[in-house]
Amino acid sequence: MKKVLSVFILSLALALMWSGVRIYKAYDFSINCTGHLKRAADANTVELAKKELDVSLGYMEKENLTSGVVSVFLHQPKNDIGFWYGNIKASRDELDSISPNATQLEKTNVLMKLRETLLDSGEKSDSVTCPDGIAVYPMNVLFFFWGWISWILTFVFGTWLLIYDEL
């Protein structure tokens, strides 16, 4: 019984650590990348949008978030980092191509296009477009197995403790 309890406590600790690290990584990614993408999408001037995109692109390049796939098993197009990065980079290049003498209408059209590129519209609010699980890339496989194994072991040994305790 002590061994089962020990394994349960260990697996629960691993599962909680996994949760904590995932939360931290998501928060860090939000601060350094998606927060700036959201600000770029909300920018009212081309200069502000450029500034915010530069911060996000700098982070992506520093963290090597320029190519690859975040999926572990099923490689869906929405999880392609290269397309996501390339699309944002192309948007930044398009902002550079705006002439200083461009009309306000031309600038507004480019900013609207940028907003549509960077945000996904939901029922209640808009969210920044990015591949799911990118916050832990390139360690997606590690996090996948760490999470599944620790939570399954926690469930199995927790159930075992409940059943054994009642006998």
N, C-alpha and C. Protein backbone atom coordinates (compact mmCIF):
# COMPACT_ATOMS: atom_id res chain seq x y z
N MET A 1 0.83 -1.20 0.00
CA MET A 1 0.00 0.00 0.00
C MET A 1 0.87 1.26 0.00
N LYS A 2 1.99 1.23 0.71
CA LYS A 2 2.88 2.39 0.75
C LYS A 2 3.50 2.67 -0.62
N LYS A 3 3.78 1.60 -1.36
CA LYS A 3 4.35 1.78 -2.70
C LYS A 3 3.32 2.42 -3.64
N VAL A 4 2.08 1.98 -3.53
CA VAL A 4 1.02 2.56 -4.37
C VAL A 4 0.85 4.03 -4.03
N LEU A 5 0.83 4.34 -2.75
CA LEU A 5 0.69 5.72 -2.31
C LEU A 5 1.88 6.56 -2.79
N SER A 6 3.08 6.00 -2.72
CA SER A 6 4.28 6.71 -3.18
C SER A 6 4.22 6.99 -4.67
N VAL A 7 3.80 6.00 -5.46
CA VAL A 7 3.70 6.19 -6.90
C VAL A 7 2.62 7.22 -7.21
N PHE A 8 1.50 7.16 -6.47
CA PHE A 8 0.43 8.14 -6.67
C PHE A 8 0.94 9.55 -6.39
N ILE A 9 1.63 9.75 -5.30
CA ILE A 9 2.14 11.08 -4.94
C ILE A 9 3.16 11.55 -5.98
N LEU A 10 4.04 10.66 -6.41
CA LEU A 10 5.03 11.01 -7.42
C LEU A 10 4.36 11.39 -8.74
N SER A 11 3.40 10.59 -9.18
CA SER A 11 2.72 10.88 -10.45
C SER A 11 1.91 12.17 -10.35
N LEU A 12 1.29 12.41 -9.21
CA LEU A 12 0.54 13.65 -9.01
C LEU A 12 1.49 14.85 -9.03
N ALA A 13 2.64 14.70 -8.40
CA ALA A 13 3.64 15.78 -8.41
C ALA A 13 4.11 16.06 -9.84
N LEU A 14 4.36 15.00 -10.61
CA LEU A 14 4.77 15.18 -12.00
C LEU A 14 3.68 15.83 -12.84
N ALA A 15 2.44 15.44 -12.60
CA ALA A 15 1.31 16.03 -13.34
C ALA A 15 1.15 17.51 -12.99
N LEU A 16 1.29 17.84 -11.73
CA LEU A 16 1.17 19.24 -11.32
C LEU A 16 2.35 20.08 -11.83
N MET A 17 3.54 19.48 -11.85
CA MET A 17 4.69 20.17 -12.43
C MET A 17 4.47 20.42 -13.91
N TRP A 18 3.94 19.42 -14.63
CA TRP A 18 3.64 19.57 -16.05
C TRP A 18 2.68 20.74 -16.25
N SER A 19 1.64 20.78 -15.43
CA SER A 19 0.66 21.87 -15.53
C SER A 19 1.31 23.22 -15.27
N GLY A 20 2.12 23.28 -14.25
CA GLY A 20 2.79 24.54 -13.91
C GLY A 20 3.73 25.02 -15.00
N VAL A 21 4.50 24.12 -15.56
CA VAL A 21 5.43 24.49 -16.63
C VAL A 21 4.66 24.93 -17.87
N ARG A 22 3.58 24.21 -18.21
CA ARG A 22 2.77 24.60 -19.37
C ARG A 22 2.17 26.00 -19.17
N ILE A 23 1.69 26.28 -17.98
CA ILE A 23 1.11 27.59 -17.69
C ILE A 23 2.18 28.67 -17.80
N TYR A 24 3.35 28.40 -17.22
CA TYR A 24 4.45 29.37 -17.29
C TYR A 24 4.87 29.63 -18.73
N LYS A 25 5.04 28.56 -19.52
CA LYS A 25 5.47 28.70 -20.92
C LYS A 25 4.43 29.47 -21.74
N ALA A 26 3.14 29.20 -21.49
CA ALA A 26 2.08 29.91 -22.20
C ALA A 26 2.09 31.39 -21.84
N TYR A 27 2.30 31.68 -20.57
CA TYR A 27 2.36 33.07 -20.10
C TYR A 27 3.57 33.79 -20.71
N ASP A 28 4.70 33.14 -20.71
CA ASP A 28 5.92 33.71 -21.28
C ASP A 28 5.74 33.98 -22.78
N PHE A 29 5.14 33.04 -23.49
CA PHE A 29 4.90 33.20 -24.92
C PHE A 29 3.92 34.36 -25.16
N SER A 30 2.93 34.48 -24.31
CA SER A 30 1.96 35.56 -24.43
C SER A 30 2.63 36.92 -24.25
N ILE A 31 3.50 37.03 -23.28
CA ILE A 31 4.19 38.30 -23.01
C ILE A 31 5.13 38.66 -24.16
N ASN A 32 5.88 37.70 -24.64
CA ASN A 32 6.93 37.97 -25.61
C ASN A 32 6.50 37.92 -27.07
N CYS A 33 5.35 37.31 -27.36
CA CYS A 33 4.97 37.16 -28.77
C CYS A 33 3.51 37.54 -29.03
N THR A 34 2.57 36.76 -28.54
CA THR A 34 1.18 37.00 -28.92
C THR A 34 0.64 38.33 -28.39
N GLY A 35 1.14 38.79 -27.26
CA GLY A 35 0.71 40.09 -26.76
C GLY A 35 1.08 41.20 -27.73
N HIS A 36 2.26 41.10 -28.31
CA HIS A 36 2.71 42.09 -29.29
C HIS A 36 1.99 41.93 -30.62
N LEU A 37 1.66 40.69 -30.99
CA LEU A 37 0.87 40.49 -32.21
C LEU A 37 -0.51 41.12 -32.06
N LYS A 38 -1.11 40.98 -30.88
CA LYS A 38 -2.42 41.59 -30.62
C LYS A 38 -2.32 43.11 -30.69
N ARG A 39 -1.25 43.66 -30.14
CA ARG A 39 -1.06 45.10 -30.19
C ARG A 39 -0.84 45.57 -31.63
N ALA A 40 -0.12 44.78 -32.43
CA ALA A 40 0.07 45.12 -33.85
C ALA A 40 -1.27 45.12 -34.58
N ALA A 41 -2.10 44.14 -34.26
CA ALA A 41 -3.42 44.06 -34.89
C ALA A 41 -4.30 45.25 -34.49
N ASP A 42 -4.10 45.75 -33.28
CA ASP A 42 -4.89 46.87 -32.78
C ASP A 42 -4.29 48.23 -33.13
N ALA A 43 -3.09 48.24 -33.71
CA ALA A 43 -2.39 49.50 -33.99
C ALA A 43 -3.21 50.37 -34.93
N ASN A 44 -3.14 51.66 -34.67
CA ASN A 44 -3.88 52.63 -35.47
C ASN A 44 -2.99 53.29 -36.52
N THR A 45 -1.68 53.05 -36.42
CA THR A 45 -0.77 53.59 -37.42
C THR A 45 0.16 52.48 -37.90
N VAL A 46 0.69 52.67 -39.10
CA VAL A 46 1.62 51.70 -39.68
C VAL A 46 2.88 51.60 -38.82
N GLU A 47 3.35 52.73 -38.30
CA GLU A 47 4.57 52.75 -37.49
C GLU A 47 4.40 51.93 -36.21
N LEU A 48 3.25 52.09 -35.55
CA LEU A 48 2.99 51.30 -34.33
C LEU A 48 2.92 49.81 -34.65
N ALA A 49 2.27 49.46 -35.73
CA ALA A 49 2.16 48.05 -36.13
C ALA A 49 3.54 47.47 -36.42
N LYS A 50 4.38 48.21 -37.12
CA LYS A 50 5.74 47.75 -37.42
C LYS A 50 6.52 47.49 -36.13
N LYS A 51 6.42 48.42 -35.21
CA LYS A 51 7.16 48.31 -33.94
C LYS A 51 6.76 47.03 -33.20
N GLU A 52 5.46 46.76 -33.12
CA GLU A 52 4.99 45.58 -32.40
C GLU A 52 5.32 44.28 -33.15
N LEU A 53 5.21 44.30 -34.47
CA LEU A 53 5.58 43.12 -35.25
C LEU A 53 7.06 42.83 -35.12
N ASP A 54 7.89 43.86 -35.05
CA ASP A 54 9.33 43.66 -34.90
C ASP A 54 9.66 42.95 -33.59
N VAL A 55 8.95 43.30 -32.53
CA VAL A 55 9.17 42.63 -31.24
C VAL A 55 8.81 41.15 -31.36
N SER A 56 7.64 40.86 -31.91
CA SER A 56 7.21 39.46 -32.06
C SER A 56 8.13 38.68 -32.98
N LEU A 57 8.47 39.25 -34.12
CA LEU A 57 9.35 38.55 -35.06
C LEU A 57 10.73 38.32 -34.47
N GLY A 58 11.22 39.28 -33.72
CA GLY A 58 12.51 39.11 -33.04
C GLY A 58 12.47 37.94 -32.06
N TYR A 59 11.38 37.83 -31.31
CA TYR A 59 11.22 36.72 -30.37
C TYR A 59 11.13 35.39 -31.12
N MET A 60 10.35 35.36 -32.20
CA MET A 60 10.20 34.13 -32.99
C MET A 60 11.56 33.67 -33.53
N GLU A 61 12.33 34.60 -34.03
CA GLU A 61 13.63 34.25 -34.59
C GLU A 61 14.61 33.83 -33.51
N LYS A 62 14.58 34.52 -32.37
CA LYS A 62 15.47 34.17 -31.26
C LYS A 62 15.16 32.77 -30.73
N GLU A 63 13.87 32.42 -30.66
CA GLU A 63 13.45 31.12 -30.13
C GLU A 63 13.33 30.05 -31.22
N ASN A 64 13.75 30.38 -32.44
CA ASN A 64 13.71 29.45 -33.57
C ASN A 64 12.29 28.96 -33.87
N LEU A 65 11.34 29.88 -33.84
CA LEU A 65 9.95 29.57 -34.15
C LEU A 65 9.64 29.99 -35.58
N THR A 66 10.48 29.53 -36.51
CA THR A 66 10.35 29.95 -37.90
C THR A 66 9.98 28.80 -38.84
N SER A 67 10.09 27.58 -38.37
CA SER A 67 9.72 26.42 -39.19
C SER A 67 9.42 25.24 -38.29
N GLY A 68 8.77 24.24 -38.87
CA GLY A 68 8.44 23.04 -38.11
C GLY A 68 6.94 22.89 -37.94
N VAL A 69 6.58 21.86 -37.19
CA VAL A 69 5.19 21.55 -36.93
C VAL A 69 5.05 21.25 -35.44
N VAL A 70 4.02 21.79 -34.81
CA VAL A 70 3.84 21.57 -33.38
C VAL A 70 3.11 20.28 -33.06
N SER A 71 2.51 19.66 -34.06
CA SER A 71 1.75 18.42 -33.84
C SER A 71 2.68 17.28 -33.48
N VAL A 72 2.19 16.37 -32.67
CA VAL A 72 2.94 15.17 -32.32
C VAL A 72 2.61 14.04 -33.29
N PHE A 73 1.34 13.82 -33.54
CA PHE A 73 0.92 12.73 -34.42
C PHE A 73 0.29 13.21 -35.72
N LEU A 74 -0.77 13.99 -35.62
CA LEU A 74 -1.52 14.43 -36.79
C LEU A 74 -1.02 15.80 -37.23
N HIS A 75 -0.35 15.84 -38.36
CA HIS A 75 0.22 17.10 -38.85
C HIS A 75 -0.80 17.86 -39.67
N GLN A 76 -1.57 18.69 -38.98
CA GLN A 76 -2.60 19.51 -39.61
C GLN A 76 -2.00 20.82 -40.09
N PRO A 77 -2.54 21.40 -41.16
CA PRO A 77 -2.03 22.68 -41.67
C PRO A 77 -2.03 23.80 -40.62
N LYS A 78 -3.00 23.79 -39.72
CA LYS A 78 -3.07 24.86 -38.72
C LYS A 78 -1.90 24.82 -37.74
N ASN A 79 -1.15 23.73 -37.72
CA ASN A 79 -0.02 23.60 -36.80
C ASN A 79 1.34 23.79 -37.46
N ASP A 80 1.33 24.36 -38.67
CA ASP A 80 2.56 24.60 -39.42
C ASP A 80 3.18 25.93 -39.00
N ILE A 81 4.29 25.86 -38.31
CA ILE A 81 4.96 27.06 -37.82
C ILE A 81 5.52 27.89 -38.97
N GLY A 82 6.04 27.23 -40.00
CA GLY A 82 6.62 27.94 -41.13
C GLY A 82 5.62 28.83 -41.83
N PHE A 83 4.41 28.33 -42.04
CA PHE A 83 3.36 29.15 -42.67
C PHE A 83 3.00 30.32 -41.78
N TRP A 84 2.83 30.06 -40.49
CA TRP A 84 2.46 31.11 -39.54
C TRP A 84 3.52 32.20 -39.51
N TYR A 85 4.77 31.81 -39.36
CA TYR A 85 5.87 32.78 -39.32
C TYR A 85 5.97 33.53 -40.65
N GLY A 86 5.93 32.80 -41.77
CA GLY A 86 6.03 33.41 -43.08
C GLY A 86 4.92 34.41 -43.35
N ASN A 87 3.74 34.11 -42.89
CA ASN A 87 2.60 35.01 -43.07
C ASN A 87 2.81 36.31 -42.29
N ILE A 88 3.31 36.19 -41.07
CA ILE A 88 3.56 37.39 -40.25
C ILE A 88 4.71 38.19 -40.86
N LYS A 89 5.74 37.50 -41.30
CA LYS A 89 6.88 38.16 -41.93
C LYS A 89 6.43 38.90 -43.20
N ALA A 90 5.58 38.27 -44.01
CA ALA A 90 5.06 38.91 -45.23
C ALA A 90 4.22 40.14 -44.88
N SER A 91 3.47 40.05 -43.78
CA SER A 91 2.69 41.21 -43.34
C SER A 91 3.60 42.36 -42.96
N ARG A 92 4.69 42.03 -42.29
CA ARG A 92 5.67 43.07 -41.91
C ARG A 92 6.29 43.70 -43.15
N ASP A 93 6.63 42.87 -44.14
CA ASP A 93 7.20 43.38 -45.39
C ASP A 93 6.20 44.28 -46.12
N GLU A 94 4.93 43.92 -46.05
CA GLU A 94 3.90 44.74 -46.69
C GLU A 94 3.79 46.11 -46.02
N LEU A 95 3.96 46.13 -44.69
CA LEU A 95 3.95 47.43 -44.00
C LEU A 95 5.14 48.28 -44.45
N ASP A 96 6.28 47.64 -44.71
CA ASP A 96 7.46 48.37 -45.19
C ASP A 96 7.23 48.94 -46.58
N SER A 97 6.42 48.27 -47.38
CA SER A 97 6.21 48.71 -48.76
C SER A 97 5.26 49.91 -48.88
N ILE A 98 4.63 50.27 -47.78
CA ILE A 98 3.72 51.43 -47.80
C ILE A 98 4.56 52.70 -47.96
N SER A 99 4.22 53.46 -48.94
CA SER A 99 4.92 54.71 -49.20
C SER A 99 4.57 55.73 -48.12
N PRO A 100 5.53 56.55 -47.72
CA PRO A 100 5.21 57.62 -46.77
C PRO A 100 4.14 58.58 -47.31
N ASN A 101 4.02 58.61 -48.64
CA ASN A 101 3.03 59.49 -49.26
C ASN A 101 1.71 58.79 -49.50
N ALA A 102 1.55 57.57 -48.98
CA ALA A 102 0.31 56.82 -49.20
C ALA A 102 -0.85 57.56 -48.56
N THR A 103 -2.01 57.37 -49.15
CA THR A 103 -3.21 58.01 -48.61
C THR A 103 -3.63 57.28 -47.33
N GLN A 104 -4.45 57.96 -46.56
CA GLN A 104 -4.94 57.36 -45.32
C GLN A 104 -5.75 56.10 -45.62
N LEU A 105 -6.46 56.10 -46.73
CA LEU A 105 -7.25 54.94 -47.12
C LEU A 105 -6.34 53.73 -47.39
N GLU A 106 -5.23 53.95 -48.07
CA GLU A 106 -4.29 52.85 -48.35
C GLU A 106 -3.70 52.31 -47.04
N LYS A 107 -3.34 53.20 -46.15
CA LYS A 107 -2.78 52.78 -44.86
C LYS A 107 -3.82 52.00 -44.06
N THR A 108 -5.05 52.48 -44.05
CA THR A 108 -6.12 51.80 -43.32
C THR A 108 -6.39 50.42 -43.90
N ASN A 109 -6.37 50.30 -45.21
CA ASN A 109 -6.59 48.99 -45.85
C ASN A 109 -5.50 47.99 -45.45
N VAL A 110 -4.25 48.44 -45.41
CA VAL A 110 -3.15 47.55 -45.01
C VAL A 110 -3.29 47.16 -43.55
N LEU A 111 -3.68 48.11 -42.71
CA LEU A 111 -3.86 47.80 -41.28
C LEU A 111 -5.04 46.84 -41.07
N MET A 112 -6.09 46.99 -41.86
CA MET A 112 -7.23 46.06 -41.76
C MET A 112 -6.82 44.66 -42.21
N LYS A 113 -6.04 44.58 -43.27
CA LYS A 113 -5.55 43.29 -43.75
C LYS A 113 -4.65 42.65 -42.70
N LEU A 114 -3.80 43.46 -42.05
CA LEU A 114 -2.93 42.96 -40.99
C LEU A 114 -3.77 42.39 -39.85
N ARG A 115 -4.80 43.12 -39.46
CA ARG A 115 -5.67 42.65 -38.38
C ARG A 115 -6.31 41.31 -38.73
N GLU A 116 -6.78 41.17 -39.96
CA GLU A 116 -7.39 39.91 -40.39
C GLU A 116 -6.37 38.77 -40.42
N THR A 117 -5.12 39.09 -40.71
CA THR A 117 -4.06 38.08 -40.74
C THR A 117 -3.70 37.63 -39.33
N LEU A 118 -3.64 38.55 -38.40
CA LEU A 118 -3.15 38.24 -37.05
C LEU A 118 -4.20 37.69 -36.10
N LEU A 119 -5.47 37.96 -36.35
CA LEU A 119 -6.52 37.57 -35.41
C LEU A 119 -7.51 36.59 -36.01
N ASP A 120 -8.00 35.69 -35.17
CA ASP A 120 -9.11 34.81 -35.50
C ASP A 120 -10.34 35.33 -34.77
N SER A 121 -11.43 35.44 -35.46
CA SER A 121 -12.66 35.93 -34.83
C SER A 121 -13.40 34.76 -34.22
N GLY A 122 -13.77 34.92 -32.95
CA GLY A 122 -14.56 33.91 -32.26
C GLY A 122 -15.93 34.45 -31.94
N GLU A 123 -16.73 33.63 -31.27
CA GLU A 123 -18.08 34.06 -30.91
C GLU A 123 -18.07 35.25 -29.96
N LYS A 124 -17.18 35.19 -28.96
CA LYS A 124 -17.19 36.22 -27.94
C LYS A 124 -16.07 37.24 -28.11
N SER A 125 -14.93 36.82 -28.66
CA SER A 125 -13.82 37.76 -28.81
C SER A 125 -12.86 37.26 -29.88
N ASP A 126 -11.93 38.12 -30.23
CA ASP A 126 -10.89 37.76 -31.19
C ASP A 126 -9.71 37.18 -30.43
N SER A 127 -9.01 36.25 -31.08
CA SER A 127 -7.80 35.68 -30.48
C SER A 127 -6.69 35.73 -31.52
N VAL A 128 -5.47 35.77 -31.03
CA VAL A 128 -4.31 35.83 -31.92
C VAL A 128 -4.14 34.48 -32.60
N THR A 129 -3.93 34.53 -33.90
CA THR A 129 -3.72 33.32 -34.69
C THR A 129 -2.32 32.78 -34.41
N CYS A 130 -2.23 31.54 -33.94
CA CYS A 130 -0.94 30.88 -33.77
C CYS A 130 -1.18 29.37 -33.64
N PRO A 131 -0.19 28.58 -34.00
CA PRO A 131 -0.34 27.12 -33.88
C PRO A 131 -0.54 26.71 -32.41
N ASP A 132 -1.43 25.74 -32.19
CA ASP A 132 -1.66 25.24 -30.83
C ASP A 132 -0.40 24.55 -30.32
N GLY A 133 -0.02 24.84 -29.10
CA GLY A 133 1.13 24.19 -28.49
C GLY A 133 2.46 24.80 -28.84
N ILE A 134 2.46 25.95 -29.50
CA ILE A 134 3.72 26.56 -29.91
C ILE A 134 4.52 27.08 -28.71
N ALA A 135 3.87 27.32 -27.61
CA ALA A 135 4.56 27.84 -26.43
C ALA A 135 5.62 26.87 -25.90
N VAL A 136 5.45 25.57 -26.15
CA VAL A 136 6.44 24.59 -25.66
C VAL A 136 7.29 24.02 -26.79
N TYR A 137 7.14 24.55 -28.00
CA TYR A 137 7.94 24.09 -29.14
C TYR A 137 9.40 24.42 -28.89
N PRO A 138 10.33 23.56 -29.14
CA PRO A 138 10.32 22.30 -29.87
C PRO A 138 10.19 21.06 -28.98
N MET A 139 9.75 21.23 -27.76
CA MET A 139 9.65 20.11 -26.82
C MET A 139 8.25 19.53 -26.75
N ASN A 140 7.48 19.63 -27.84
CA ASN A 140 6.09 19.18 -27.85
C ASN A 140 5.96 17.69 -27.55
N VAL A 141 6.84 16.87 -28.09
CA VAL A 141 6.76 15.43 -27.86
C VAL A 141 7.00 15.13 -26.38
N LEU A 142 8.00 15.76 -25.80
CA LEU A 142 8.28 15.58 -24.37
C LEU A 142 7.07 15.97 -23.53
N PHE A 143 6.50 17.13 -23.80
CA PHE A 143 5.35 17.58 -23.02
C PHE A 143 4.12 16.71 -23.24
N PHE A 144 3.96 16.21 -24.46
CA PHE A 144 2.84 15.32 -24.74
C PHE A 144 2.91 14.07 -23.87
N PHE A 145 4.05 13.39 -23.91
CA PHE A 145 4.18 12.15 -23.14
C PHE A 145 4.26 12.40 -21.64
N TRP A 146 4.92 13.46 -21.23
CA TRP A 146 4.99 13.82 -19.82
C TRP A 146 3.57 14.03 -19.27
N GLY A 147 2.76 14.78 -19.98
CA GLY A 147 1.39 15.03 -19.52
C GLY A 147 0.54 13.78 -19.49
N TRP A 148 0.51 13.05 -20.59
CA TRP A 148 -0.33 11.85 -20.64
C TRP A 148 0.09 10.81 -19.61
N ILE A 149 1.36 10.52 -19.52
CA ILE A 149 1.81 9.48 -18.60
C ILE A 149 1.56 9.88 -17.16
N SER A 150 1.90 11.12 -16.80
CA SER A 150 1.72 11.53 -15.40
C SER A 150 0.24 11.58 -15.01
N TRP A 151 -0.63 12.08 -15.88
CA TRP A 151 -2.05 12.14 -15.54
C TRP A 151 -2.70 10.76 -15.52
N ILE A 152 -2.30 9.88 -16.44
CA ILE A 152 -2.85 8.52 -16.43
C ILE A 152 -2.41 7.78 -15.18
N LEU A 153 -1.13 7.88 -14.83
CA LEU A 153 -0.66 7.22 -13.60
C LEU A 153 -1.36 7.78 -12.37
N THR A 154 -1.56 9.08 -12.34
CA THR A 154 -2.28 9.69 -11.21
C THR A 154 -3.69 9.12 -11.10
N PHE A 155 -4.37 9.03 -12.22
CA PHE A 155 -5.73 8.49 -12.23
C PHE A 155 -5.73 7.02 -11.81
N VAL A 156 -4.85 6.21 -12.39
CA VAL A 156 -4.83 4.77 -12.10
C VAL A 156 -4.51 4.50 -10.64
N PHE A 157 -3.45 5.12 -10.14
CA PHE A 157 -3.07 4.85 -8.75
C PHE A 157 -3.99 5.54 -7.76
N GLY A 158 -4.59 6.66 -8.13
CA GLY A 158 -5.59 7.29 -7.27
C GLY A 158 -6.83 6.42 -7.16
N THR A 159 -7.25 5.84 -8.28
CA THR A 159 -8.39 4.93 -8.28
C THR A 159 -8.06 3.68 -7.46
N TRP A 160 -6.85 3.16 -7.63
CA TRP A 160 -6.41 1.99 -6.89
C TRP A 160 -6.47 2.27 -5.38
N LEU A 161 -6.00 3.44 -4.96
CA LEU A 161 -6.04 3.80 -3.54
C LEU A 161 -7.48 3.88 -3.02
N LEU A 162 -8.38 4.43 -3.83
CA LEU A 162 -9.78 4.53 -3.41
C LEU A 162 -10.42 3.16 -3.27
N ILE A 163 -10.16 2.30 -4.24
CA ILE A 163 -10.74 0.95 -4.22
C ILE A 163 -10.13 0.13 -3.10
N TYR A 164 -8.81 0.17 -2.96
CA TYR A 164 -8.12 -0.62 -1.95
C TYR A 164 -8.50 -0.17 -0.54
N ASP A 165 -8.70 1.16 -0.38
CA ASP A 165 -9.04 1.72 0.93
C ASP A 165 -10.41 1.26 1.37
N GLU A 166 -11.32 0.99 0.45
CA GLU A 166 -12.68 0.62 0.80
C GLU A 166 -12.82 -0.88 1.08
N LEU A 167 -11.83 -1.69 0.73
CA LEU A 167 -11.93 -3.12 0.96
C LEU A 167 -11.65 -3.51 2.38
